[in-house]
């Protein structure tokens, strides 16, 4: 009888601990994602480039890259984020990070960036984004792996499309879907 009572007590205790852990880490309790939409201006050329090649890759140019990208190319960026697709649109933040051409076949890169928001309700907050960017695909998906401010402990994804491409300059349309942990929202 004592061992049955101990087993029931242990099961009750473990159930209570699991319920507490679930409510703390937000598992199963996140609300619908917040949707953010903006354009990123990636400029290699012009009077004020926002993208700089810091390591030249090796080998032949990758197919589908327009002749420019090589395996191992490493690029640092500090790109303008705007409300619309033109440079005259209202600036809402910056995308700062790097990408490395990490494929020997397709023009695909590994990208890591911080999306720094400087306007609106999320002013001063940031998102950390990382993933594979295969520029030959019409739409790519990258992961939101964290954030700061209103986006502390965020998860989610960014759908990424090339809105325009002229020479080595591109405008990218980003749709971010961000889940915020209730534990972080209450912190």
C-alpha atoms as a PDB file:
ATOM      1  CA  UNK A   1       0.000   0.000   0.000  1.00  0.00           C
ATOM      2  CA  UNK A   2       2.861   2.377   0.830  1.00  0.00           C
ATOM      3  CA  UNK A   3       4.527   1.800  -2.533  1.00  0.00           C
ATOM      4  CA  UNK A   4       1.215   2.462  -4.362  1.00  0.00           C
ATOM      5  CA  UNK A   5       0.780   5.687  -2.389  1.00  0.00           C
ATOM      6  CA  UNK A   6       4.398   6.667  -3.152  1.00  0.00           C
ATOM      7  CA  UNK A   7       3.871   5.981  -6.890  1.00  0.00           C
ATOM      8  CA  UNK A   8       0.681   8.075  -6.966  1.00  0.00           C
ATOM      9  CA  UNK A   9       2.411  10.900  -5.055  1.00  0.00           C
ATOM     10  CA  UNK A  10       5.417  10.786  -7.378  1.00  0.00           C
ATOM     11  CA  UNK A  11       3.163  10.844 -10.478  1.00  0.00           C
ATOM     12  CA  UNK A  12       1.242  13.825  -9.058  1.00  0.00           C
ATOM     13  CA  UNK A  13       4.478  15.661  -8.264  1.00  0.00           C
ATOM     14  CA  UNK A  14       5.907  15.018 -11.770  1.00  0.00           C
ATOM     15  CA  UNK A  15       2.650  16.166 -13.407  1.00  0.00           C
ATOM     16  CA  UNK A  16       2.792  19.378 -11.376  1.00  0.00           C
ATOM     17  CA  UNK A  17       6.437  19.991 -12.328  1.00  0.00           C
ATOM     18  CA  UNK A  18       5.712  19.396 -16.034  1.00  0.00           C
ATOM     19  CA  UNK A  19       2.742  21.793 -15.952  1.00  0.00           C
ATOM     20  CA  UNK A  20       4.939  24.439 -14.305  1.00  0.00           C
ATOM     21  CA  UNK A  21       7.757  23.961 -16.838  1.00  0.00           C
ATOM     22  CA  UNK A  22       5.287  24.162 -19.743  1.00  0.00           C
ATOM     23  CA  UNK A  23       3.829  27.430 -18.515  1.00  0.00           C
ATOM     24  CA  UNK A  24       7.286  28.908 -17.887  1.00  0.00           C
ATOM     25  CA  UNK A  25       8.803  28.116 -21.279  1.00  0.00           C
ATOM     26  CA  UNK A  26       5.636  28.946 -23.196  1.00  0.00           C
ATOM     27  CA  UNK A  27       5.167  25.502 -24.771  1.00  0.00           C
ATOM     28  CA  UNK A  28       1.655  25.347 -26.143  1.00  0.00           C
ATOM     29  CA  UNK A  29       0.782  28.808 -24.866  1.00  0.00           C
ATOM     30  CA  UNK A  30       2.109  31.117 -27.557  1.00  0.00           C
ATOM     31  CA  UNK A  31      -0.409  33.396 -29.236  1.00  0.00           C
ATOM     32  CA  UNK A  32      -0.721  33.840 -32.975  1.00  0.00           C
ATOM     33  CA  UNK A  33       2.501  35.132 -34.515  1.00  0.00           C
ATOM     34  CA  UNK A  34       3.161  38.819 -34.938  1.00  0.00           C
ATOM     35  CA  UNK A  35       3.592  39.683 -38.618  1.00  0.00           C
ATOM     36  CA  UNK A  36       6.243  42.201 -39.672  1.00  0.00           C
ATOM     37  CA  UNK A  37       6.708  43.254 -43.290  1.00  0.00           C
ATOM     38  CA  UNK A  38       9.581  45.287 -44.695  1.00  0.00           C
ATOM     39  CA  UNK A  39      12.071  45.589 -47.555  1.00  0.00           C
ATOM     40  CA  UNK A  40      15.832  45.158 -47.266  1.00  0.00           C
ATOM     41  CA  UNK A  41      18.132  47.114 -49.605  1.00  0.00           C
ATOM     42  CA  UNK A  42      21.342  45.134 -50.232  1.00  0.00           C
ATOM     43  CA  UNK A  43      23.708  47.452 -52.148  1.00  0.00           C
ATOM     44  CA  UNK A  44      27.190  46.412 -53.330  1.00  0.00           C
ATOM     45  CA  UNK A  45      27.541  49.439 -55.575  1.00  0.00           C
ATOM     46  CA  UNK A  46      26.679  53.131 -55.577  1.00  0.00           C
ATOM     47  CA  UNK A  47      27.875  56.079 -53.520  1.00  0.00           C
ATOM     48  CA  UNK A  48      27.197  54.343 -50.170  1.00  0.00           C
ATOM     49  CA  UNK A  49      27.392  50.536 -50.435  1.00  0.00           C
ATOM     50  CA  UNK A  50      25.766  48.685 -47.535  1.00  0.00           C
ATOM     51  CA  UNK A  51      27.304  45.322 -48.411  1.00  0.00           C
ATOM     52  CA  UNK A  52      31.030  44.549 -48.561  1.00  0.00           C
ATOM     53  CA  UNK A  53      32.806  41.392 -49.740  1.00  0.00           C
ATOM     54  CA  UNK A  54      35.464  40.718 -47.058  1.00  0.00           C
ATOM     55  CA  UNK A  55      36.712  37.273 -48.193  1.00  0.00           C
ATOM     56  CA  UNK A  56      36.985  36.189 -51.825  1.00  0.00           C
ATOM     57  CA  UNK A  57      35.889  32.630 -52.432  1.00  0.00           C
ATOM     58  CA  UNK A  58      37.626  30.159 -54.724  1.00  0.00           C
ATOM     59  CA  UNK A  59      36.722  28.290 -57.850  1.00  0.00           C
ATOM     60  CA  UNK A  60      34.473  29.093 -60.770  1.00  0.00           C
ATOM     61  CA  UNK A  61      31.417  31.335 -60.434  1.00  0.00           C
ATOM     62  CA  UNK A  62      28.367  29.424 -59.201  1.00  0.00           C
ATOM     63  CA  UNK A  63      25.568  28.689 -61.672  1.00  0.00           C
ATOM     64  CA  UNK A  64      22.609  31.015 -61.304  1.00  0.00           C
ATOM     65  CA  UNK A  65      24.624  33.629 -59.425  1.00  0.00           C
ATOM     66  CA  UNK A  66      24.915  36.044 -62.327  1.00  0.00           C
ATOM     67  CA  UNK A  67      28.643  35.275 -62.484  1.00  0.00           C
ATOM     68  CA  UNK A  68      29.524  36.988 -59.223  1.00  0.00           C
ATOM     69  CA  UNK A  69      29.302  34.469 -56.375  1.00  0.00           C
ATOM     70  CA  UNK A  70      31.997  31.890 -55.633  1.00  0.00           C
ATOM     71  CA  UNK A  71      32.167  29.189 -52.960  1.00  0.00           C
ATOM     72  CA  UNK A  72      33.488  30.783 -49.755  1.00  0.00           C
ATOM     73  CA  UNK A  73      32.598  34.404 -50.541  1.00  0.00           C
ATOM     74  CA  UNK A  74      31.997  36.137 -47.213  1.00  0.00           C
ATOM     75  CA  UNK A  75      29.999  39.340 -47.112  1.00  0.00           C
ATOM     76  CA  UNK A  76      29.209  41.770 -44.287  1.00  0.00           C
ATOM     77  CA  UNK A  77      26.065  43.877 -44.504  1.00  0.00           C
ATOM     78  CA  UNK A  78      24.444  46.853 -42.826  1.00  0.00           C
ATOM     79  CA  UNK A  79      21.327  47.132 -44.982  1.00  0.00           C
ATOM     80  CA  UNK A  80      18.511  49.627 -44.737  1.00  0.00           C
ATOM     81  CA  UNK A  81      15.031  48.241 -43.922  1.00  0.00           C
ATOM     82  CA  UNK A  82      12.142  50.245 -45.342  1.00  0.00           C
ATOM     83  CA  UNK A  83       8.370  50.201 -45.313  1.00  0.00           C
ATOM     84  CA  UNK A  84       8.177  50.022 -49.126  1.00  0.00           C
ATOM     85  CA  UNK A  85      10.366  48.741 -51.967  1.00  0.00           C
ATOM     86  CA  UNK A  86      11.999  52.083 -52.875  1.00  0.00           C
ATOM     87  CA  UNK A  87      14.883  53.826 -51.117  1.00  0.00           C
ATOM     88  CA  UNK A  88      12.580  56.829 -50.680  1.00  0.00           C
ATOM     89  CA  UNK A  89      10.300  54.729 -48.412  1.00  0.00           C
ATOM     90  CA  UNK A  90      10.268  55.342 -44.670  1.00  0.00           C
ATOM     91  CA  UNK A  91      13.209  53.650 -42.917  1.00  0.00           C
ATOM     92  CA  UNK A  92      12.072  51.252 -40.172  1.00  0.00           C
ATOM     93  CA  UNK A  93      15.432  49.745 -39.183  1.00  0.00           C
ATOM     94  CA  UNK A  94      18.639  48.005 -40.274  1.00  0.00           C
ATOM     95  CA  UNK A  95      19.658  44.437 -41.127  1.00  0.00           C
ATOM     96  CA  UNK A  96      23.194  43.876 -39.857  1.00  0.00           C
ATOM     97  CA  UNK A  97      25.086  40.622 -40.259  1.00  0.00           C
ATOM     98  CA  UNK A  98      26.938  38.447 -42.717  1.00  0.00           C
ATOM     99  CA  UNK A  99      26.482  35.743 -45.300  1.00  0.00           C
ATOM    100  CA  UNK A 100      28.821  33.115 -46.682  1.00  0.00           C
ATOM    101  CA  UNK A 101      28.391  31.294 -49.985  1.00  0.00           C
ATOM    102  CA  UNK A 102      28.312  27.801 -48.516  1.00  0.00           C
ATOM    103  CA  UNK A 103      27.392  25.699 -51.550  1.00  0.00           C
ATOM    104  CA  UNK A 104      29.681  24.506 -54.323  1.00  0.00           C
ATOM    105  CA  UNK A 105      26.772  24.076 -56.738  1.00  0.00           C
ATOM    106  CA  UNK A 106      23.779  26.327 -56.207  1.00  0.00           C
ATOM    107  CA  UNK A 107      24.134  30.000 -55.281  1.00  0.00           C
ATOM    108  CA  UNK A 108      23.128  29.291 -51.673  1.00  0.00           C
ATOM    109  CA  UNK A 109      24.408  31.096 -48.617  1.00  0.00           C
ATOM    110  CA  UNK A 110      24.263  30.723 -44.892  1.00  0.00           C
ATOM    111  CA  UNK A 111      22.987  33.992 -43.505  1.00  0.00           C
ATOM    112  CA  UNK A 112      23.080  35.366 -39.956  1.00  0.00           C
ATOM    113  CA  UNK A 113      21.681  38.803 -39.217  1.00  0.00           C
ATOM    114  CA  UNK A 114      20.148  41.009 -36.590  1.00  0.00           C
ATOM    115  CA  UNK A 115      17.050  42.916 -37.649  1.00  0.00           C
ATOM    116  CA  UNK A 116      17.257  46.151 -35.643  1.00  0.00           C
ATOM    117  CA  UNK A 117      13.924  47.961 -35.541  1.00  0.00           C
ATOM    118  CA  UNK A 118      14.083  51.725 -35.179  1.00  0.00           C
ATOM    119  CA  UNK A 119      10.499  52.855 -35.663  1.00  0.00           C
ATOM    120  CA  UNK A 120       6.975  52.050 -34.565  1.00  0.00           C
ATOM    121  CA  UNK A 121       5.836  49.914 -31.640  1.00  0.00           C
ATOM    122  CA  UNK A 122       8.978  47.724 -31.722  1.00  0.00           C
ATOM    123  CA  UNK A 123      11.487  50.600 -31.747  1.00  0.00           C
ATOM    124  CA  UNK A 124      14.678  49.409 -30.036  1.00  0.00           C
ATOM    125  CA  UNK A 125      13.825  45.708 -30.337  1.00  0.00           C
ATOM    126  CA  UNK A 126      15.654  43.227 -32.550  1.00  0.00           C
ATOM    127  CA  UNK A 127      15.260  39.803 -34.139  1.00  0.00           C
ATOM    128  CA  UNK A 128      18.062  37.297 -34.698  1.00  0.00           C
ATOM    129  CA  UNK A 129      17.616  35.540 -38.062  1.00  0.00           C
ATOM    130  CA  UNK A 130      19.624  32.641 -39.458  1.00  0.00           C
ATOM    131  CA  UNK A 131      19.313  30.133 -42.265  1.00  0.00           C
ATOM    132  CA  UNK A 132      19.979  29.022 -45.821  1.00  0.00           C
ATOM    133  CA  UNK A 133      19.341  31.558 -48.551  1.00  0.00           C
ATOM    134  CA  UNK A 134      19.211  29.877 -51.965  1.00  0.00           C
ATOM    135  CA  UNK A 135      18.964  32.963 -54.164  1.00  0.00           C
ATOM    136  CA  UNK A 136      17.760  30.896 -57.148  1.00  0.00           C
ATOM    137  CA  UNK A 137      14.506  30.044 -55.325  1.00  0.00           C
ATOM    138  CA  UNK A 138      11.563  32.454 -55.647  1.00  0.00           C
ATOM    139  CA  UNK A 139      10.881  32.263 -51.891  1.00  0.00           C
ATOM    140  CA  UNK A 140      13.192  31.234 -49.077  1.00  0.00           C
ATOM    141  CA  UNK A 141      12.509  30.533 -45.406  1.00  0.00           C
ATOM    142  CA  UNK A 142      14.919  31.517 -42.658  1.00  0.00           C
ATOM    143  CA  UNK A 143      14.535  30.942 -38.913  1.00  0.00           C
ATOM    144  CA  UNK A 144      13.979  33.539 -36.213  1.00  0.00           C
ATOM    145  CA  UNK A 145      16.259  32.190 -33.472  1.00  0.00           C
ATOM    146  CA  UNK A 146      15.882  34.904 -30.840  1.00  0.00           C
ATOM    147  CA  UNK A 147      15.480  38.565 -30.199  1.00  0.00           C
ATOM    148  CA  UNK A 148      15.696  41.435 -27.746  1.00  0.00           C
ATOM    149  CA  UNK A 149      13.273  43.945 -26.242  1.00  0.00           C
ATOM    150  CA  UNK A 150       9.707  43.130 -27.258  1.00  0.00           C
ATOM    151  CA  UNK A 151      11.077  40.032 -29.023  1.00  0.00           C
ATOM    152  CA  UNK A 152      13.057  38.518 -26.143  1.00  0.00           C
ATOM    153  CA  UNK A 153      13.168  34.709 -26.576  1.00  0.00           C
ATOM    154  CA  UNK A 154      11.333  34.974 -29.923  1.00  0.00           C
ATOM    155  CA  UNK A 155      11.000  32.130 -32.407  1.00  0.00           C
ATOM    156  CA  UNK A 156       9.474  32.054 -35.847  1.00  0.00           C
ATOM    157  CA  UNK A 157      10.417  32.358 -39.477  1.00  0.00           C
ATOM    158  CA  UNK A 158      11.032  34.885 -42.230  1.00  0.00           C
ATOM    159  CA  UNK A 159       9.749  34.384 -45.766  1.00  0.00           C
ATOM    160  CA  UNK A 160      12.239  36.087 -48.053  1.00  0.00           C
ATOM    161  CA  UNK A 161      11.692  37.044 -51.722  1.00  0.00           C
ATOM    162  CA  UNK A 162      13.783  38.979 -54.203  1.00  0.00           C
ATOM    163  CA  UNK A 163      11.667  42.018 -55.113  1.00  0.00           C
ATOM    164  CA  UNK A 164      14.230  43.380 -57.592  1.00  0.00           C
ATOM    165  CA  UNK A 165      17.807  42.723 -58.659  1.00  0.00           C
ATOM    166  CA  UNK A 166      19.934  45.171 -60.671  1.00  0.00           C
ATOM    167  CA  UNK A 167      23.558  44.178 -61.217  1.00  0.00           C
ATOM    168  CA  UNK A 168      24.873  43.346 -57.744  1.00  0.00           C
ATOM    169  CA  UNK A 169      22.191  45.313 -55.881  1.00  0.00           C
ATOM    170  CA  UNK A 170      19.013  43.670 -54.626  1.00  0.00           C
ATOM    171  CA  UNK A 171      15.818  44.650 -52.844  1.00  0.00           C
ATOM    172  CA  UNK A 172      14.434  41.800 -50.750  1.00  0.00           C
ATOM    173  CA  UNK A 173      10.898  41.563 -49.416  1.00  0.00           C
ATOM    174  CA  UNK A 174      10.766  40.090 -45.904  1.00  0.00           C
ATOM    175  CA  UNK A 175       7.675  38.772 -44.130  1.00  0.00           C
ATOM    176  CA  UNK A 176       8.565  37.848 -40.551  1.00  0.00           C
ATOM    177  CA  UNK A 177       6.207  35.736 -38.433  1.00  0.00           C
ATOM    178  CA  UNK A 178       7.332  36.018 -34.843  1.00  0.00           C
ATOM    179  CA  UNK A 179       6.154  34.050 -31.812  1.00  0.00           C
ATOM    180  CA  UNK A 180       6.822  35.632 -28.434  1.00  0.00           C
ATOM    181  CA  UNK A 181       7.089  33.489 -25.327  1.00  0.00           C
ATOM    182  CA  UNK A 182       4.562  34.466 -22.625  1.00  0.00           C
ATOM    183  CA  UNK A 183       7.350  34.035 -20.057  1.00  0.00           C
ATOM    184  CA  UNK A 184       9.449  36.644 -21.911  1.00  0.00           C
ATOM    185  CA  UNK A 185       6.477  38.957 -22.499  1.00  0.00           C
ATOM    186  CA  UNK A 186       5.841  39.083 -18.761  1.00  0.00           C
ATOM    187  CA  UNK A 187       9.504  39.616 -17.850  1.00  0.00           C
END
